[in-house]
Protein backbone atom coordinates (compact mmCIF):
# COMPACT_ATOMS: atom_id res chain seq x y z
CA MET A 1 -18.74 -18.54 -3.18
CA TRP A 2 -14.55 -19.71 -3.02
CA THR A 3 -12.88 -18.12 0.17
CA LYS A 4 -9.12 -18.19 0.55
CA PRO A 5 -8.32 -21.47 2.58
CA LYS A 6 -7.18 -21.35 6.08
CA LEU A 7 -4.77 -23.05 8.24
CA ALA A 8 -6.34 -24.88 11.33
CA TRP A 9 -3.53 -24.19 13.68
CA ASP A 10 -3.40 -20.48 12.87
CA GLN A 11 -6.63 -20.08 14.79
CA LYS A 12 -4.87 -21.83 17.93
CA SER A 13 -1.56 -22.62 18.57
CA VAL A 14 -0.73 -26.42 18.07
CA ARG A 15 2.58 -27.33 19.85
CA VAL A 16 4.14 -30.68 18.81
CA ALA A 17 6.76 -32.80 20.67
CA VAL A 18 9.17 -33.87 17.94
CA ILE A 19 11.31 -36.99 19.37
CA GLY A 20 13.82 -38.87 17.33
CA ASP A 21 16.74 -39.06 15.40
CA LEU A 22 18.76 -35.66 14.70
CA ILE A 23 20.61 -35.63 11.34
CA LEU A 24 22.71 -32.85 9.83
CA ASP A 25 22.42 -32.91 5.95
CA GLU A 26 24.97 -31.25 4.04
CA TYR A 27 25.45 -30.78 0.24
CA LEU A 28 28.40 -30.30 -1.96
CA ASP A 29 27.72 -29.21 -5.38
CA GLY A 30 29.97 -28.70 -8.01
CA VAL A 31 30.85 -29.91 -11.34
CA VAL A 32 32.83 -32.83 -13.00
CA ASN A 33 34.71 -32.57 -16.05
CA ARG A 34 37.79 -34.50 -15.88
CA ILE A 35 39.35 -37.89 -14.62
CA SER A 36 41.70 -37.85 -11.53
CA PRO A 37 45.26 -38.85 -12.74
CA GLU A 38 45.82 -40.32 -9.34
CA ALA A 39 43.23 -43.22 -9.93
CA PRO A 40 40.38 -43.59 -12.75
CA VAL A 41 37.66 -41.78 -10.58
CA PRO A 42 35.86 -38.54 -11.55
CA VAL A 43 37.23 -35.17 -9.95
CA HIS A 44 34.34 -33.27 -8.45
CA LEU A 45 35.27 -29.69 -7.97
CA VAL A 46 33.13 -28.15 -5.74
CA ARG A 47 31.12 -25.00 -6.44
CA LYS A 48 28.67 -24.69 -3.45
CA THR A 49 28.21 -26.02 -0.26
CA SER A 50 25.13 -25.89 1.89
CA ILE A 51 23.79 -27.38 5.25
CA THR A 52 20.32 -28.22 6.46
CA ALA A 53 18.23 -29.99 9.30
CA GLY A 54 17.46 -33.58 8.71
CA GLY A 55 15.72 -36.35 10.40
CA ALA A 56 13.65 -35.12 13.34
CA ALA A 57 15.28 -31.88 13.00
CA ASN A 58 13.62 -31.42 9.61
CA VAL A 59 10.37 -32.56 10.98
CA ALA A 60 10.60 -29.79 13.57
CA ARG A 61 11.45 -27.13 10.88
CA ASN A 62 8.34 -28.47 8.84
CA ILE A 63 6.09 -27.92 11.85
CA GLN A 64 7.81 -24.44 12.79
CA LEU A 65 7.59 -22.95 9.36
CA ALA A 66 4.22 -24.11 8.70
CA GLY A 67 3.00 -22.35 11.45
CA GLY A 68 3.02 -24.59 14.27
CA GLU A 69 5.01 -24.62 17.38
CA ALA A 70 7.91 -27.09 17.69
CA MET A 71 10.04 -28.49 20.19
CA VAL A 72 12.49 -30.95 19.20
CA VAL A 73 13.79 -33.67 21.51
CA GLY A 74 16.77 -35.95 21.16
CA VAL A 75 20.48 -36.47 21.16
CA CYS A 76 23.39 -35.18 19.23
CA GLY A 77 27.19 -35.38 19.89
CA ASN A 78 29.52 -32.84 21.22
CA ASP A 79 30.82 -31.99 17.85
CA GLY A 80 30.88 -29.15 14.86
CA ALA A 81 27.89 -30.84 13.45
CA ALA A 82 25.77 -30.69 16.49
CA ASP A 83 26.53 -26.89 16.84
CA GLN A 84 25.64 -26.59 12.98
CA LEU A 85 22.37 -28.34 13.56
CA LYS A 86 21.30 -26.57 16.49
CA GLN A 87 21.86 -23.07 15.05
CA LEU A 88 19.93 -24.08 11.97
CA LEU A 89 16.79 -24.92 14.29
CA LYS A 90 17.37 -21.69 16.60
CA THR A 91 17.10 -19.65 13.36
CA ASP A 92 13.86 -21.00 12.57
CA SER A 93 12.64 -20.45 16.31
CA VAL A 94 12.38 -24.23 16.95
CA ASP A 95 12.67 -24.93 20.91
CA ILE A 96 15.90 -26.73 21.24
CA LYS A 97 16.09 -27.11 24.93
CA GLY A 98 15.45 -30.93 24.72
CA VAL A 99 18.40 -31.60 22.56
CA PHE A 100 20.78 -33.26 24.93
CA THR A 101 24.30 -34.27 24.60
CA ASP A 102 25.89 -37.54 24.51
CA PRO A 103 29.96 -37.20 23.98
CA GLU A 104 30.21 -40.87 23.43
CA ARG A 105 28.39 -40.73 20.05
CA PRO A 106 29.01 -38.62 16.81
CA THR A 107 26.10 -36.20 15.31
CA VAL A 108 24.59 -38.06 12.63
CA ARG A 109 25.58 -36.51 9.27
CA LYS A 110 24.96 -37.35 5.71
CA THR A 111 27.21 -35.34 2.98
CA ARG A 112 25.59 -35.53 -0.44
CA ILE A 113 28.21 -35.05 -3.49
CA THR A 114 26.16 -33.52 -6.36
CA ALA A 115 26.74 -32.41 -9.77
CA ASN A 116 23.87 -30.54 -11.77
CA HIS A 117 21.48 -31.53 -8.88
CA GLN A 118 22.26 -35.19 -9.44
CA GLN A 119 23.67 -37.17 -6.54
CA LEU A 120 26.93 -39.07 -7.14
CA VAL A 121 27.58 -40.32 -3.83
CA ARG A 122 26.52 -40.12 -0.21
CA VAL A 123 29.16 -40.28 2.69
CA ASP A 124 27.70 -41.07 6.38
CA TRP A 125 29.23 -40.12 9.75
CA GLU A 126 26.80 -42.25 12.28
CA GLU A 127 27.27 -44.91 14.83
CA VAL A 128 23.77 -47.04 14.74
CA ARG A 129 23.32 -48.06 18.20
CA SER A 130 20.64 -47.52 20.82
CA ILE A 131 21.12 -44.31 23.15
CA PRO A 132 22.00 -45.68 26.56
CA GLN A 133 19.30 -46.11 29.49
CA TRP A 134 20.43 -43.18 31.38
CA MET A 135 19.96 -41.10 28.31
CA GLN A 136 16.42 -42.21 27.68
CA ASP A 137 15.23 -41.55 31.47
CA GLU A 138 16.62 -37.93 30.98
CA LEU A 139 14.56 -37.46 27.71
CA TYR A 140 11.69 -39.01 29.22
CA GLN A 141 11.63 -36.74 31.89
CA TYR A 142 12.10 -33.94 29.83
CA VAL A 143 9.08 -34.72 27.67
CA GLU A 144 6.77 -35.30 30.98
CA LYS A 145 7.69 -32.09 32.37
CA GLN A 146 6.56 -30.15 28.98
CA ASN A 147 3.19 -29.37 27.51
CA TRP A 148 2.22 -30.14 23.95
CA ASP A 149 -0.86 -31.02 21.98
CA VAL A 150 0.45 -34.02 19.79
CA MET A 151 3.76 -36.17 20.12
CA LEU A 152 5.42 -37.26 16.96
CA LEU A 153 8.16 -39.91 17.17
CA SER A 154 10.44 -39.44 14.01
CA ASP A 155 12.42 -42.94 14.05
CA TYR A 156 15.14 -43.16 11.32
CA GLY A 157 16.57 -46.44 12.71
CA LYS A 158 19.62 -44.61 14.45
CA GLY A 159 19.20 -45.77 17.68
CA GLY A 160 17.29 -42.54 19.08
CA LEU A 161 13.75 -44.24 19.71
CA PRO A 162 14.92 -47.89 21.14
CA ARG A 163 11.79 -50.16 21.62
CA GLU A 164 11.18 -49.49 25.48
CA PHE A 165 11.54 -45.98 25.00
CA LEU A 166 9.29 -45.90 22.05
CA GLN A 167 6.66 -47.63 24.23
CA ARG A 168 7.11 -45.39 27.23
CA LEU A 169 6.27 -42.26 25.10
CA ILE A 170 3.38 -43.70 23.27
CA GLN A 171 1.81 -44.59 26.58
CA LEU A 172 2.77 -40.79 27.80
CA GLY A 173 0.91 -39.79 24.78
CA ARG A 174 -2.01 -42.10 25.47
CA GLN A 175 -2.30 -41.08 29.41
CA ARG A 176 -2.59 -37.38 27.96
CA GLN A 177 -5.24 -38.18 25.32
CA VAL A 178 -3.17 -36.64 22.69
CA PRO A 179 -2.45 -38.09 19.14
CA VAL A 180 0.77 -39.69 18.81
CA VAL A 181 1.73 -39.77 15.35
CA ILE A 182 4.97 -41.97 13.94
CA ASP A 183 7.11 -42.08 10.90
CA PRO A 184 8.47 -45.46 10.93
CA LYS A 185 11.28 -47.45 10.35
CA GLY A 186 12.12 -51.11 10.10
CA LYS A 187 10.36 -54.37 9.90
CA ASP A 188 8.71 -54.60 13.65
CA TYR A 189 5.87 -52.43 14.13
CA THR A 190 4.65 -54.12 17.15
CA GLN A 191 6.83 -51.46 18.83
CA TYR A 192 4.31 -48.68 17.74
CA ALA A 193 1.43 -50.57 19.42
CA GLY A 194 -0.94 -47.93 20.75
CA ALA A 195 -0.19 -45.15 18.62
CA THR A 196 -2.62 -42.79 16.58
CA LEU A 197 -1.12 -42.97 13.39
CA VAL A 198 1.86 -44.60 11.31
CA THR A 199 2.99 -42.90 8.16
CA PRO A 200 4.85 -45.64 6.01
CA ASN A 201 5.33 -45.43 2.55
CA ARG A 202 4.81 -48.09 0.05
CA LYS A 203 8.24 -50.21 0.55
CA GLU A 204 8.21 -49.52 4.35
CA ALA A 205 4.75 -51.09 4.47
CA CYS A 206 5.65 -54.04 2.47
CA ASP A 207 8.76 -54.61 4.51
CA ALA A 208 6.71 -54.42 7.78
CA LEU A 209 4.29 -57.15 6.24
CA GLY A 210 7.31 -59.25 5.08
CA LEU A 211 5.96 -58.57 1.10
CA ASP A 212 8.09 -57.87 -1.67
CA ASN A 213 7.57 -54.45 -2.88
CA GLN A 214 5.43 -54.96 -5.74
CA PRO A 215 3.51 -52.06 -7.39
CA SER A 216 0.74 -54.49 -8.29
CA ILE A 217 -0.12 -54.88 -4.53
CA PRO A 218 -3.13 -52.39 -3.99
CA ALA A 219 -2.38 -49.89 -1.15
CA VAL A 220 -5.64 -50.54 0.23
CA GLU A 221 -4.56 -54.04 1.11
CA LEU A 222 -1.48 -52.80 2.49
CA ALA A 223 -3.21 -50.44 4.89
CA ASP A 224 -5.74 -53.20 5.90
CA GLN A 225 -3.33 -55.81 6.85
CA LEU A 226 -1.23 -53.36 8.71
CA TYR A 227 -4.24 -52.26 10.73
CA LYS A 228 -5.00 -55.92 11.37
CA ASN A 229 -1.47 -57.18 12.23
CA TYR A 230 -0.68 -54.13 14.61
CA GLN A 231 -2.44 -52.30 17.42
CA ILE A 232 -2.29 -48.85 15.67
CA GLU A 233 -5.53 -46.81 15.11
CA ASN A 234 -5.12 -45.27 12.10
CA ILE A 235 -2.75 -46.09 8.78
CA LEU A 236 -1.42 -43.45 6.24
CA VAL A 237 0.53 -45.10 3.32
CA THR A 238 2.44 -42.70 0.94
CA LEU A 239 2.48 -43.96 -2.72
CA GLY A 240 4.84 -41.28 -4.36
CA ALA A 241 3.15 -40.22 -7.77
CA GLU A 242 0.05 -42.47 -6.80
CA GLY A 243 -0.61 -40.16 -3.91
CA MET A 244 -1.57 -41.54 -0.32
CA LEU A 245 -4.25 -43.71 0.93
CA GLY A 246 -5.33 -43.62 4.72
CA LEU A 247 -7.38 -45.93 6.76
CA GLU A 248 -9.25 -44.75 9.76
CA GLY A 249 -9.37 -47.98 11.86
CA PRO A 250 -12.08 -47.18 14.13
CA SER A 251 -14.69 -46.74 11.31
CA GLY A 252 -12.82 -48.75 8.57
CA GLU A 253 -13.55 -45.84 6.43
CA LYS A 254 -10.70 -45.44 3.51
CA GLN A 255 -9.76 -42.75 1.25
CA GLN A 256 -7.23 -42.43 -1.62
CA LEU A 257 -5.91 -38.93 -2.85
CA SER A 258 -4.21 -38.49 -6.24
CA ALA A 259 -0.68 -36.79 -6.02
CA VAL A 260 -0.94 -33.18 -6.92
CA THR A 261 0.46 -32.83 -10.36
CA ARG A 262 4.02 -31.08 -10.07
CA GLU A 263 7.26 -31.24 -11.86
CA VAL A 264 9.37 -33.39 -9.15
CA PHE A 265 12.58 -31.88 -8.77
CA ASP A 266 13.72 -34.06 -5.47
CA VAL A 267 11.51 -36.20 -2.92
CA SER A 268 14.45 -35.71 -0.37
CA GLY A 269 12.31 -34.93 2.96
CA ALA A 270 8.71 -35.58 1.48
CA GLY A 271 8.08 -37.85 3.97
CA ASP A 272 9.04 -35.45 6.72
CA THR A 273 6.62 -33.12 5.47
CA VAL A 274 3.80 -35.54 5.30
CA VAL A 275 3.88 -36.62 8.65
CA SER A 276 4.73 -32.77 10.02
CA ILE A 277 1.24 -31.59 8.38
CA MET A 278 -0.54 -34.78 9.53
CA ALA A 279 0.90 -34.20 13.14
CA LEU A 280 -0.33 -30.50 12.93
CA GLY A 281 -3.85 -31.21 11.43
CA LEU A 282 -4.42 -33.92 14.32
CA GLY A 283 -3.31 -31.58 16.97
CA ALA A 284 -5.75 -29.09 15.68
CA LYS A 285 -8.51 -31.63 15.96
CA LEU A 286 -8.70 -32.23 12.13
CA SER A 287 -10.00 -35.74 10.71
CA LEU A 288 -7.50 -38.11 9.52
CA PHE A 289 -8.98 -37.39 5.94
CA GLU A 290 -8.88 -33.53 6.38
CA ALA A 291 -5.27 -33.63 7.64
CA MET A 292 -4.54 -35.78 4.50
CA ARG A 293 -5.57 -33.15 2.12
CA LEU A 294 -3.30 -30.64 3.60
CA ALA A 295 -0.55 -33.07 3.91
CA ASN A 296 -1.10 -34.11 0.25
CA ALA A 297 -0.80 -30.49 -0.89
CA ALA A 298 2.35 -29.94 1.00
CA ALA A 299 3.96 -32.74 -0.34
CA GLY A 300 3.22 -31.78 -3.91
CA ARG A 301 4.74 -28.56 -3.05
CA VAL A 302 7.89 -29.79 -1.45
CA VAL A 303 8.82 -32.04 -4.11
CA GLU A 304 9.53 -29.24 -6.32
CA LYS A 305 12.35 -27.74 -4.08
CA TRP A 306 16.34 -29.30 -4.28
CA GLY A 307 17.67 -31.00 -1.29
CA THR A 308 16.05 -31.51 2.11
CA GLN A 309 13.93 -28.51 2.54
CA PRO A 310 10.78 -27.76 4.47
CA ILE A 311 7.14 -26.57 3.50
CA LEU A 312 6.54 -23.07 4.49
CA ARG A 313 3.25 -21.72 5.75
CA HIS A 314 2.42 -19.34 2.84
CA GLU A 315 3.55 -22.13 0.13
CA LEU A 316 0.93 -24.50 1.78
CA ILE A 317 -1.68 -21.96 1.57
CA GLU A 318 -0.61 -21.06 -1.95
CA ALA A 319 -0.91 -24.86 -2.74
CA LEU A 320 -4.42 -25.25 -1.05
CA GLU A 321 -5.66 -21.89 -3.05
CA HIS A 322 -4.33 -23.61 -6.33
CA GLU A 323 -6.37 -26.45 -5.59
CA ASP A 324 -9.40 -24.82 -4.58
CA SER A 325 -9.46 -22.29 -7.28
CA ALA A 326 -8.68 -24.66 -10.03
CA HIS A 327 -11.76 -26.84 -8.73
CA HIS A 328 -14.15 -23.76 -8.46
CA PHE A 329 -13.23 -21.61 -11.24
CA GLY A 330 -10.79 -23.76 -13.82
CA PHE A 331 -7.89 -21.44 -13.50
CA THR A 332 -4.71 -20.52 -11.13
CA GLN A 333 -4.89 -17.98 -8.76
CA THR A 334 -1.98 -15.32 -9.13
CA THR A 335 -2.75 -13.37 -6.06
CA SER A 336 -0.96 -16.05 -3.60
CA LYS A 337 2.29 -14.34 -4.91
CA VAL A 338 1.38 -10.97 -3.35
CA MET A 339 2.15 -10.91 0.43
CA GLU A 340 3.58 -8.93 3.28
CA SER A 341 7.57 -8.52 3.58
CA ARG A 342 7.15 -10.75 6.86
CA ASP A 343 5.91 -13.47 4.79
CA VAL A 344 8.68 -13.36 2.03
CA LYS A 345 11.50 -12.98 4.38
CA ALA A 346 10.20 -15.98 6.06
CA ALA A 347 10.21 -17.85 2.52
CA ILE A 348 13.62 -16.91 1.18
CA GLY A 349 15.12 -17.27 4.39
CA PRO A 350 18.05 -15.24 5.66
CA ILE A 351 20.96 -14.10 3.51
CA GLY A 352 23.70 -16.59 3.82
CA GLN A 353 21.72 -19.73 4.58
CA ARG A 354 19.39 -19.66 1.22
CA THR A 355 19.88 -22.21 -1.40
CA GLN A 356 18.82 -19.70 -4.21
CA LYS A 357 19.82 -16.53 -5.12
CA VAL A 358 17.19 -13.52 -4.62
CA VAL A 359 16.78 -10.91 -6.95
CA PHE A 360 14.74 -7.43 -5.92
CA THR A 361 13.58 -4.72 -7.81
CA ASN A 362 11.25 -1.90 -7.19
CA GLY A 363 8.63 0.57 -9.15
CA CYS A 364 5.25 1.81 -9.70
CA PHE A 365 4.42 -0.42 -12.71
CA ASP A 366 1.58 1.84 -13.67
CA ILE A 367 0.03 0.36 -17.05
CA LEU A 368 2.24 -2.60 -17.33
CA HIS A 369 4.19 -2.63 -20.94
CA ALA A 370 6.56 -4.35 -22.81
CA GLY A 371 9.46 -2.54 -21.52
CA HIS A 372 8.45 -3.73 -17.69
CA ILE A 373 8.37 -7.30 -18.85
CA SER A 374 11.71 -7.28 -20.87
CA TYR A 375 13.28 -5.31 -17.62
CA LEU A 376 11.72 -7.77 -15.22
CA GLU A 377 12.65 -10.80 -17.09
CA GLU A 378 16.40 -9.73 -17.59
CA ALA A 379 16.19 -9.06 -13.54
CA ARG A 380 14.83 -12.37 -12.79
CA SER A 381 17.92 -13.64 -15.07
CA ARG A 382 20.39 -12.22 -12.44
CA GLY A 383 19.38 -14.94 -9.90
CA HIS A 384 16.73 -17.40 -8.73
CA VAL A 385 13.94 -15.80 -7.08
CA LEU A 386 12.72 -12.36 -8.13
CA VAL A 387 10.76 -10.08 -5.43
CA VAL A 388 9.10 -6.91 -6.83
CA GLY A 389 8.50 -3.98 -4.62
CA VAL A 390 5.43 -1.86 -5.49
CA ASN A 391 4.43 1.63 -4.58
CA THR A 392 1.30 1.74 -3.30
CA ASP A 393 -1.39 4.53 -4.60
CA ARG A 394 -0.39 7.06 -2.12
CA SER A 395 3.37 6.58 -2.68
CA VAL A 396 2.76 6.92 -6.59
CA ARG A 397 0.86 10.26 -5.71
CA GLU A 398 3.68 11.61 -3.88
CA LEU A 399 5.99 10.83 -6.73
CA LYS A 400 4.09 11.34 -9.68
CA GLY A 401 1.35 13.77 -8.99
CA ALA A 402 -2.39 13.83 -7.92
CA SER A 403 -3.10 12.32 -11.49
CA ARG A 404 -1.24 9.05 -10.76
CA PRO A 405 -1.45 5.78 -10.75
CA ILE A 406 -3.94 5.05 -13.45
CA ILE A 407 -4.15 1.56 -12.30
CA SER A 408 -4.85 0.78 -8.70
CA CYS A 409 -2.13 -0.89 -6.57
CA ASP A 410 -4.24 -4.20 -6.33
CA GLN A 411 -4.60 -4.21 -10.10
CA ARG A 412 -0.75 -3.63 -10.54
CA MET A 413 0.13 -6.21 -8.17
CA ARG A 414 -2.27 -8.68 -9.56
CA LEU A 415 -0.60 -8.27 -13.24
CA LEU A 416 2.79 -8.43 -11.96
CA ALA A 417 1.84 -11.54 -9.90
CA ALA A 418 0.68 -13.02 -13.53
CA LEU A 419 4.13 -13.08 -14.84
CA GLN A 420 6.02 -16.16 -14.56
CA CYS A 421 9.24 -14.25 -14.01
CA VAL A 422 7.97 -12.73 -11.02
CA ASP A 423 7.96 -14.86 -7.92
CA PHE A 424 6.76 -12.34 -5.05
CA VAL A 425 5.14 -9.12 -5.03
CA VAL A 426 5.29 -6.79 -1.76
CA PRO A 427 3.64 -3.35 -1.62
CA PHE A 428 5.60 -0.40 0.28
CA ASP A 429 3.88 2.93 1.18
CA GLU A 430 6.97 4.69 1.97
CA ASP A 431 8.65 7.09 -0.76
CA THR A 432 11.77 4.60 -1.20
CA PRO A 433 11.88 0.95 -0.75
CA ALA A 434 14.64 1.56 1.66
CA ARG A 435 12.78 -0.53 4.66
CA LEU A 436 11.58 -3.22 2.73
CA ILE A 437 15.15 -3.72 1.30
CA GLN A 438 16.38 -3.95 4.92
CA ASP A 439 13.91 -6.44 5.61
CA ILE A 440 14.21 -8.76 2.53
CA MET A 441 18.25 -8.28 2.14
CA PRO A 442 18.41 -9.48 -1.34
CA ASP A 443 21.34 -11.21 -2.75
CA VAL A 444 21.02 -9.00 -5.93
CA LEU A 445 19.25 -5.21 -6.02
CA VAL A 446 18.58 -4.26 -9.56
CA LYS A 447 17.64 -0.95 -10.92
CA GLY A 448 17.17 0.87 -14.36
CA ALA A 449 20.39 2.14 -15.97
CA ASP A 450 19.28 5.65 -15.51
CA TYR A 451 20.30 5.51 -11.91
CA GLU A 452 24.24 5.52 -11.00
CA VAL A 453 24.69 3.03 -8.18
CA HIS A 454 25.49 5.52 -5.45
CA GLN A 455 21.83 6.87 -6.49
CA ILE A 456 19.94 3.51 -5.71
CA VAL A 457 18.18 3.12 -2.64
CA GLY A 458 19.26 0.15 -0.56
CA ALA A 459 22.56 -0.20 -2.51
CA ASP A 460 25.02 0.63 0.49
CA VAL A 461 22.87 -1.69 2.51
CA VAL A 462 23.02 -4.96 -0.17
CA GLN A 463 26.60 -4.31 -0.79
CA ALA A 464 27.60 -4.20 3.07
CA HIS A 465 25.96 -7.59 3.52
CA GLY A 466 27.88 -9.09 0.42
CA GLY A 467 25.29 -8.56 -2.01
CA ARG A 468 25.59 -6.82 -5.50
CA VAL A 469 23.92 -4.18 -7.16
CA GLU A 470 23.17 -4.30 -11.13
CA ARG A 471 21.82 -1.90 -13.53
CA ILE A 472 19.43 -2.97 -16.50
CA PRO A 473 18.77 -0.75 -19.31
CA PHE A 474 14.87 0.15 -20.08
CA VAL A 475 13.59 -0.58 -23.41
CA GLU A 476 13.93 2.72 -25.24
CA GLY A 477 10.63 4.32 -26.43
CA LEU A 478 8.83 2.42 -23.83
CA SER A 479 7.50 4.04 -20.72
CA THR A 480 4.08 4.93 -19.02
CA SER A 481 4.44 8.36 -19.57
CA ASP A 482 4.85 7.96 -23.27
CA ILE A 483 1.92 5.63 -23.13
CA VAL A 484 -0.66 8.41 -21.40
CA ARG A 485 0.81 11.17 -23.51
CA ARG A 486 -0.19 9.28 -26.67
CA VAL A 487 -3.71 8.37 -25.32
CA LYS A 488 -4.04 12.07 -24.50
CA GLU A 489 -2.95 12.91 -28.01
CA ASN A 490 -5.53 10.24 -29.74
CA LYS A 491 -8.30 10.95 -27.25
CA GLY A 492 -11.59 10.00 -29.31
CA VAL A 493 -9.63 8.99 -32.27
CA GLY A 494 -9.89 5.40 -32.69
CA LEU A 495 -10.29 4.17 -29.22
CA ASP A 496 -13.73 3.00 -29.23
CA ALA A 497 -12.77 -0.46 -30.27
């Protein structure tokens, strides 16, 4: 019998010490439609700007938002980029008490200029040099005083993890007998000796072995050679569209997983997601191959997103549900779209910091018909993500009378979740969705054109937060009440098919 997947770290909290290079990722998205009169270069007209966490900071967000507990340790400069990065992490409840300031170096910042979600150029602010010894000592002493279940070293080669510092941290992890997971950089993996796991991609593995990056080289050979050359317990080589291959050093067992077939939108940050989920899995006492399955599912989901974005807990569960249900039943579960408001809130993020425009509408949706579908498709066109609030059975009875609903709430939500235009379905038990709207705070609130704006519940709240309210006409002659009336009029006539 198929059961809904569970995450091992939901049963017992896993605290991960994430140590490494902290980066602020910035996106300037716009359009290019003319050449500058000053020089033969394109003019980029910025339409939208956004920032997100990168490097070790993105790893920490992945861990926190996937349901773990992250404490991030590293160095920032004394500048605006540091302030922005810390605020991003605080918003996601990441522990940032281990972020220290070095006034002699800038916060690493990468600005990507894009048009139609295609990168045109990247501008970097950084000084690649090792953090000074006094800073290494302060960071080490801080980590030593904390409690954590697994250590994750996120090495982006920016100087936050000098060789001697790496070895001190790895030895600390070994003394505590906890996993030490490393996202590596560079060609010399002797600096990672003693680690539990390293997670290079194919190119990084080839670089570490002094090989040309040839697709013809079997991944199993790369993993074998890395294990033989360096004193690292386990190897995980990520292979992009080919999936990933794991080598469990002590047993010599190997396993390769095919990539989850998805529409790849952007691979930025996928490596961060893999190493994050591997660390959570090992910290929760999963085997290497059990953790790999979770990491593979997470990577398949995160590459569908634009920019450097983390995996969310509900997205990982949904990816596992998709995988399990397809294996057991041969079809995709739609119930993964149905969730409580707190989970939707975590998925879409706070207003003002979203990369996608969130649309909200609500209703009873008793006996789903073409009018409903037309309305929902039109609502979805007003943004990027559509959240549908659905009255519970008790709430419908209060509004429509004791004879309604005809279809139970669970079934109504399942039908709505099956629609391609619907992204999230949320039940609410009150007579109005006022509390739900306050929780989710959509960018666009949609209701039928039979309501005036001042009559729409939540309109004042949404507008006060910079959102907008839109009214959409219903398809004439189509309503649940009309369908019920026609069924009653034709009762017993031609209804036996």
